[in-house]
Amino acid sequence: MAITITVTEMDSRLSGYINRVAYQGERFLLVRGNNTVAELHPVPQGTRLGDLPALLEGLPRLTVEEADAFAEGLEEIQKEPKNEGLRDPWAKNETPGLCRSGSGSISDIVY
């Protein structure tokens, strides 16, 4: 339920009304004279589950040719060996060490 206030009232206490909207979720209808001229309310956060079908409908569709090419690409990827030639960058090296330059300062760390 929105609270009706005048534009003059809003102008004089804007910061307080903004805080009420932001932190308490209140809604305000602003009137000038006898006319409602604006509404101040919280910005919706995220997307509602009920909006999902409409959102999905708005996405572009693959053509039959694109879908076939995508399926073929997935099949090729699934045939490839897994993890071959890849190394784990977080695996501990058996012989870590430091390389020193001629001056005796550390110039690089070797793993």
Foldseek 3Di string as FASTA:
>chain_A
DAAEDEPVVCVVPVVVVVCCQVPVQHKYFYDDPHDGDDIDGDDDDDDDPVCVVVVVVPDDDDDPVRVVVVVVVVVVVVPDDPPPPHDDPPDDDPDWDFDADPVRDTDDTGD
